[in-house]
Amino acid sequence: MSKKEKVLFVWFLVVATVSLVFHHFWACTVYALGRAVALNFVILPGLAKFAAGIWTAHLLS
């Protein structure tokens, strides 16, 4: 294996690991928010406004 192939292989492992971590994080977040709405801890329109605010702030940054 050349140095370039080793770097590409390590980069692939890093990207795959980060992808799995973020997938787990988002899955847990969506599950928790779904439970909060189902148990009436949070009303759905309020959650939608919060998500829209986060998304808008992300676009502005």
PDB file of N, CA and C in Angstrom:
ATOM      1  N   MET A   1       0.840  -1.183   0.000  1.00  0.00           N
ATOM      2  CA  MET A   1       0.000   0.000   0.000  1.00  0.00           C
ATOM      3  C   MET A   1       0.883   1.243   0.000  1.00  0.00           C
ATOM      4  N   SER A   2       0.524   2.160  -0.875  1.00  0.00           N
ATOM      5  CA  SER A   2       1.268   3.411  -0.905  1.00  0.00           C
ATOM      6  C   SER A   2       0.741   4.331   0.200  1.00  0.00           C
ATOM      7  N   LYS A   3       1.453   5.407   0.416  1.00  0.00           N
ATOM      8  CA  LYS A   3       1.054   6.354   1.457  1.00  0.00           C
ATOM      9  C   LYS A   3      -0.312   6.974   1.120  1.00  0.00           C
ATOM     10  N   LYS A   4      -0.526   7.254  -0.168  1.00  0.00           N
ATOM     11  CA  LYS A   4      -1.795   7.852  -0.574  1.00  0.00           C
ATOM     12  C   LYS A   4      -2.964   6.896  -0.295  1.00  0.00           C
ATOM     13  N   GLU A   5      -2.779   5.616  -0.559  1.00  0.00           N
ATOM     14  CA  GLU A   5      -3.825   4.629  -0.286  1.00  0.00           C
ATOM     15  C   GLU A   5      -4.100   4.499   1.205  1.00  0.00           C
ATOM     16  N   LYS A   6      -3.050   4.572   2.012  1.00  0.00           N
ATOM     17  CA  LYS A   6      -3.236   4.497   3.474  1.00  0.00           C
ATOM     18  C   LYS A   6      -4.032   5.694   3.976  1.00  0.00           C
ATOM     19  N   VAL A   7      -3.700   6.880   3.454  1.00  0.00           N
ATOM     20  CA  VAL A   7      -4.419   8.090   3.868  1.00  0.00           C
ATOM     21  C   VAL A   7      -5.888   7.991   3.462  1.00  0.00           C
ATOM     22  N   LEU A   8      -6.159   7.514   2.246  1.00  0.00           N
ATOM     23  CA  LEU A   8      -7.535   7.359   1.802  1.00  0.00           C
ATOM     24  C   LEU A   8      -8.287   6.340   2.656  1.00  0.00           C
ATOM     25  N   PHE A   9      -7.630   5.261   3.017  1.00  0.00           N
ATOM     26  CA  PHE A   9      -8.253   4.243   3.857  1.00  0.00           C
ATOM     27  C   PHE A   9      -8.580   4.798   5.241  1.00  0.00           C
ATOM     28  N   VAL A  10      -7.647   5.520   5.832  1.00  0.00           N
ATOM     29  CA  VAL A  10      -7.887   6.126   7.152  1.00  0.00           C
ATOM     30  C   VAL A  10      -9.002   7.152   7.054  1.00  0.00           C
ATOM     31  N   TRP A  11      -9.008   7.957   5.976  1.00  0.00           N
ATOM     32  CA  TRP A  11     -10.054   8.955   5.788  1.00  0.00           C
ATOM     33  C   TRP A  11     -11.418   8.273   5.676  1.00  0.00           C
ATOM     34  N   PHE A  12     -11.487   7.157   4.950  1.00  0.00           N
ATOM     35  CA  PHE A  12     -12.725   6.400   4.841  1.00  0.00           C
ATOM     36  C   PHE A  12     -13.194   5.919   6.210  1.00  0.00           C
ATOM     37  N   LEU A  13     -12.287   5.406   7.025  1.00  0.00           N
ATOM     38  CA  LEU A  13     -12.658   4.948   8.366  1.00  0.00           C
ATOM     39  C   LEU A  13     -13.171   6.092   9.226  1.00  0.00           C
ATOM     40  N   VAL A  14     -12.539   7.251   9.131  1.00  0.00           N
ATOM     41  CA  VAL A  14     -12.972   8.415   9.914  1.00  0.00           C
ATOM     42  C   VAL A  14     -14.371   8.844   9.485  1.00  0.00           C
ATOM     43  N   VAL A  15     -14.600   8.937   8.181  1.00  0.00           N
ATOM     44  CA  VAL A  15     -15.911   9.350   7.679  1.00  0.00           C
ATOM     45  C   VAL A  15     -16.984   8.340   8.072  1.00  0.00           C
ATOM     46  N   ALA A  16     -16.690   7.058   7.971  1.00  0.00           N
ATOM     47  CA  ALA A  16     -17.661   6.033   8.347  1.00  0.00           C
ATOM     48  C   ALA A  16     -17.987   6.104   9.834  1.00  0.00           C
ATOM     49  N   THR A  17     -16.982   6.314  10.662  1.00  0.00           N
ATOM     50  CA  THR A  17     -17.194   6.414  12.112  1.00  0.00           C
ATOM     51  C   THR A  17     -18.041   7.631  12.462  1.00  0.00           C
ATOM     52  N   VAL A  18     -17.700   8.775  11.890  1.00  0.00           N
ATOM     53  CA  VAL A  18     -18.459  10.003  12.160  1.00  0.00           C
ATOM     54  C   VAL A  18     -19.898   9.841  11.673  1.00  0.00           C
ATOM     55  N   SER A  19     -20.076   9.212  10.532  1.00  0.00           N
ATOM     56  CA  SER A  19     -21.418   8.982  10.001  1.00  0.00           C
ATOM     57  C   SER A  19     -22.240   8.133  10.962  1.00  0.00           C
ATOM     58  N   LEU A  20     -21.659   7.066  11.488  1.00  0.00           N
ATOM     59  CA  LEU A  20     -22.387   6.211  12.429  1.00  0.00           C
ATOM     60  C   LEU A  20     -22.731   6.949  13.720  1.00  0.00           C
ATOM     61  N   VAL A  21     -21.807   7.770  14.214  1.00  0.00           N
ATOM     62  CA  VAL A  21     -22.059   8.528  15.444  1.00  0.00           C
ATOM     63  C   VAL A  21     -23.197   9.514  15.235  1.00  0.00           C
ATOM     64  N   PHE A  22     -23.167  10.267  14.116  1.00  0.00           N
ATOM     65  CA  PHE A  22     -24.232  11.234  13.864  1.00  0.00           C
ATOM     66  C   PHE A  22     -25.562  10.549  13.601  1.00  0.00           C
ATOM     67  N   HIS A  23     -25.529   9.415  12.935  1.00  0.00           N
ATOM     68  CA  HIS A  23     -26.770   8.675  12.698  1.00  0.00           C
ATOM     69  C   HIS A  23     -27.377   8.245  14.032  1.00  0.00           C
ATOM     70  N   HIS A  24     -26.547   7.748  14.941  1.00  0.00           N
ATOM     71  CA  HIS A  24     -27.037   7.345  16.263  1.00  0.00           C
ATOM     72  C   HIS A  24     -27.584   8.553  17.023  1.00  0.00           C
ATOM     73  N   PHE A  25     -26.865   9.688  16.968  1.00  0.00           N
ATOM     74  CA  PHE A  25     -27.306  10.899  17.656  1.00  0.00           C
ATOM     75  C   PHE A  25     -28.669  11.347  17.136  1.00  0.00           C
ATOM     76  N   TRP A  26     -28.823  11.410  15.790  1.00  0.00           N
ATOM     77  CA  TRP A  26     -30.091  11.866  15.232  1.00  0.00           C
ATOM     78  C   TRP A  26     -31.202  10.879  15.507  1.00  0.00           C
ATOM     79  N   ALA A  27     -30.909   9.593  15.481  1.00  0.00           N
ATOM     80  CA  ALA A  27     -31.930   8.595  15.778  1.00  0.00           C
ATOM     81  C   ALA A  27     -32.424   8.748  17.215  1.00  0.00           C
ATOM     82  N   CYS A  28     -31.513   8.942  18.142  1.00  0.00           N
ATOM     83  CA  CYS A  28     -31.901   9.136  19.547  1.00  0.00           C
ATOM     84  C   CYS A  28     -32.673  10.442  19.730  1.00  0.00           C
ATOM     85  N   THR A  29     -32.262  11.496  19.030  1.00  0.00           N
ATOM     86  CA  THR A  29     -32.937  12.789  19.131  1.00  0.00           C
ATOM     87  C   THR A  29     -34.363  12.700  18.601  1.00  0.00           C
ATOM     88  N   VAL A  30     -34.532  12.106  17.441  1.00  0.00           N
ATOM     89  CA  VAL A  30     -35.864  11.974  16.851  1.00  0.00           C
ATOM     90  C   VAL A  30     -36.753  11.098  17.735  1.00  0.00           C
ATOM     91  N   TYR A  31     -36.196  10.034  18.289  1.00  0.00           N
ATOM     92  CA  TYR A  31     -36.971   9.167  19.184  1.00  0.00           C
ATOM     93  C   TYR A  31     -37.421   9.947  20.420  1.00  0.00           C
ATOM     94  N   ALA A  32     -36.503  10.702  21.023  1.00  0.00           N
ATOM     95  CA  ALA A  32     -36.842  11.463  22.231  1.00  0.00           C
ATOM     96  C   ALA A  32     -37.895  12.530  21.933  1.00  0.00           C
ATOM     97  N   LEU A  33     -37.763  13.226  20.805  1.00  0.00           N
ATOM     98  CA  LEU A  33     -38.757  14.247  20.458  1.00  0.00           C
ATOM     99  C   LEU A  33     -40.106  13.606  20.142  1.00  0.00           C
ATOM    100  N   GLY A  34     -40.094  12.467  19.484  1.00  0.00           N
ATOM    101  CA  GLY A  34     -41.342  11.759  19.214  1.00  0.00           C
ATOM    102  C   GLY A  34     -42.038  11.334  20.493  1.00  0.00           C
ATOM    103  N   ARG A  35     -41.270  10.859  21.458  1.00  0.00           N
ATOM    104  CA  ARG A  35     -41.853  10.473  22.753  1.00  0.00           C
ATOM    105  C   ARG A  35     -42.399  11.692  23.483  1.00  0.00           C
ATOM    106  N   ALA A  36     -41.669  12.816  23.411  1.00  0.00           N
ATOM    107  CA  ALA A  36     -42.131  14.031  24.084  1.00  0.00           C
ATOM    108  C   ALA A  36     -43.452  14.507  23.496  1.00  0.00           C
ATOM    109  N   VAL A  37     -43.602  14.433  22.185  1.00  0.00           N
ATOM    110  CA  VAL A  37     -44.857  14.833  21.549  1.00  0.00           C
ATOM    111  C   VAL A  37     -45.952  13.829  21.888  1.00  0.00           C
ATOM    112  N   ALA A  38     -45.634  12.543  21.843  1.00  0.00           N
ATOM    113  CA  ALA A  38     -46.642  11.517  22.118  1.00  0.00           C
ATOM    114  C   ALA A  38     -47.147  11.596  23.555  1.00  0.00           C
ATOM    115  N   LEU A  39     -46.285  11.955  24.485  1.00  0.00           N
ATOM    116  CA  LEU A  39     -46.684  12.043  25.888  1.00  0.00           C
ATOM    117  C   LEU A  39     -47.189  13.428  26.269  1.00  0.00           C
ATOM    118  N   ASN A  40     -47.345  14.292  25.265  1.00  0.00           N
ATOM    119  CA  ASN A  40     -47.857  15.663  25.448  1.00  0.00           C
ATOM    120  C   ASN A  40     -46.968  16.521  26.340  1.00  0.00           C
ATOM    121  N   PHE A  41     -45.674  16.228  26.374  1.00  0.00           N
ATOM    122  CA  PHE A  41     -44.745  17.123  27.067  1.00  0.00           C
ATOM    123  C   PHE A  41     -44.481  18.361  26.214  1.00  0.00           C
ATOM    124  N   VAL A  42     -44.524  18.178  24.901  1.00  0.00           N
ATOM    125  CA  VAL A  42     -44.294  19.255  23.951  1.00  0.00           C
ATOM    126  C   VAL A  42     -45.408  19.189  22.920  1.00  0.00           C
ATOM    127  N   ILE A  43     -45.979  20.350  22.590  1.00  0.00           N
ATOM    128  CA  ILE A  43     -47.004  20.337  21.556  1.00  0.00           C
ATOM    129  C   ILE A  43     -46.318  20.426  20.192  1.00  0.00           C
ATOM    130  N   LEU A  44     -46.893  19.788  19.203  1.00  0.00           N
ATOM    131  CA  LEU A  44     -46.275  19.684  17.890  1.00  0.00           C
ATOM    132  C   LEU A  44     -46.058  21.036  17.209  1.00  0.00           C
ATOM    133  N   PRO A  45     -47.008  21.976  17.237  1.00  0.00           N
ATOM    134  CA  PRO A  45     -46.748  23.282  16.614  1.00  0.00           C
ATOM    135  C   PRO A  45     -45.581  24.026  17.273  1.00  0.00           C
ATOM    136  N   GLY A  46     -45.452  23.891  18.574  1.00  0.00           N
ATOM    137  CA  GLY A  46     -44.325  24.529  19.268  1.00  0.00           C
ATOM    138  C   GLY A  46     -43.000  23.914  18.857  1.00  0.00           C
ATOM    139  N   LEU A  47     -42.988  22.598  18.699  1.00  0.00           N
ATOM    140  CA  LEU A  47     -41.789  21.910  18.255  1.00  0.00           C
ATOM    141  C   LEU A  47     -41.447  22.299  16.825  1.00  0.00           C
ATOM    142  N   ALA A  48     -42.453  22.459  15.985  1.00  0.00           N
ATOM    143  CA  ALA A  48     -42.226  22.876  14.596  1.00  0.00           C
ATOM    144  C   ALA A  48     -41.649  24.283  14.536  1.00  0.00           C
ATOM    145  N   LYS A  49     -42.144  25.195  15.370  1.00  0.00           N
ATOM    146  CA  LYS A  49     -41.596  26.558  15.414  1.00  0.00           C
ATOM    147  C   LYS A  49     -40.146  26.539  15.880  1.00  0.00           C
ATOM    148  N   PHE A  50     -39.848  25.725  16.879  1.00  0.00           N
ATOM    149  CA  PHE A  50     -38.483  25.607  17.383  1.00  0.00           C
ATOM    150  C   PHE A  50     -37.555  25.074  16.292  1.00  0.00           C
ATOM    151  N   ALA A  51     -37.996  24.035  15.583  1.00  0.00           N
ATOM    152  CA  ALA A  51     -37.182  23.458  14.512  1.00  0.00           C
ATOM    153  C   ALA A  51     -36.974  24.470  13.388  1.00  0.00           C
ATOM    154  N   ALA A  52     -38.000  25.232  13.048  1.00  0.00           N
ATOM    155  CA  ALA A  52     -37.865  26.253  12.007  1.00  0.00           C
ATOM    156  C   ALA A  52     -36.882  27.336  12.438  1.00  0.00           C
ATOM    157  N   GLY A  53     -36.902  27.698  13.712  1.00  0.00           N
ATOM    158  CA  GLY A  53     -35.945  28.691  14.220  1.00  0.00           C
ATOM    159  C   GLY A  53     -34.517  28.191  14.163  1.00  0.00           C
ATOM    160  N   ILE A  54     -34.315  26.939  14.535  1.00  0.00           N
ATOM    161  CA  ILE A  54     -32.973  26.342  14.463  1.00  0.00           C
ATOM    162  C   ILE A  54     -32.499  26.302  13.020  1.00  0.00           C
ATOM    163  N   TRP A  55     -33.382  25.894  12.101  1.00  0.00           N
ATOM    164  CA  TRP A  55     -33.017  25.778  10.695  1.00  0.00           C
ATOM    165  C   TRP A  55     -32.681  27.154  10.122  1.00  0.00           C
ATOM    166  N   THR A  56     -33.464  28.175  10.477  1.00  0.00           N
ATOM    167  CA  THR A  56     -33.207  29.539  10.000  1.00  0.00           C
ATOM    168  C   THR A  56     -31.879  30.049  10.545  1.00  0.00           C
ATOM    169  N   ALA A  57     -31.597  29.800  11.800  1.00  0.00           N
ATOM    170  CA  ALA A  57     -30.327  30.238  12.388  1.00  0.00           C
ATOM    171  C   ALA A  57     -29.158  29.540  11.713  1.00  0.00           C
ATOM    172  N   HIS A  58     -29.362  28.291  11.344  1.00  0.00           N
ATOM    173  CA  HIS A  58     -28.308  27.543  10.642  1.00  0.00           C
ATOM    174  C   HIS A  58     -28.050  28.154   9.268  1.00  0.00           C
ATOM    175  N   LEU A  59     -29.098  28.572   8.566  1.00  0.00           N
ATOM    176  CA  LEU A  59     -28.933  29.197   7.250  1.00  0.00           C
ATOM    177  C   LEU A  59     -28.204  30.530   7.336  1.00  0.00           C
ATOM    178  N   LEU A  60     -28.451  31.270   8.413  1.00  0.00           N
ATOM    179  CA  LEU A  60     -27.849  32.596   8.562  1.00  0.00           C
ATOM    180  C   LEU A  60     -26.383  32.528   8.956  1.00  0.00           C
ATOM    181  N   SER A  61     -25.954  31.422   9.532  1.00  0.00           N
ATOM    182  CA  SER A  61     -24.559  31.349   9.968  1.00  0.00           C
ATOM    183  C   SER A  61     -23.637  30.917   8.862  1.00  0.00           C
TER     184      SER A  61
END
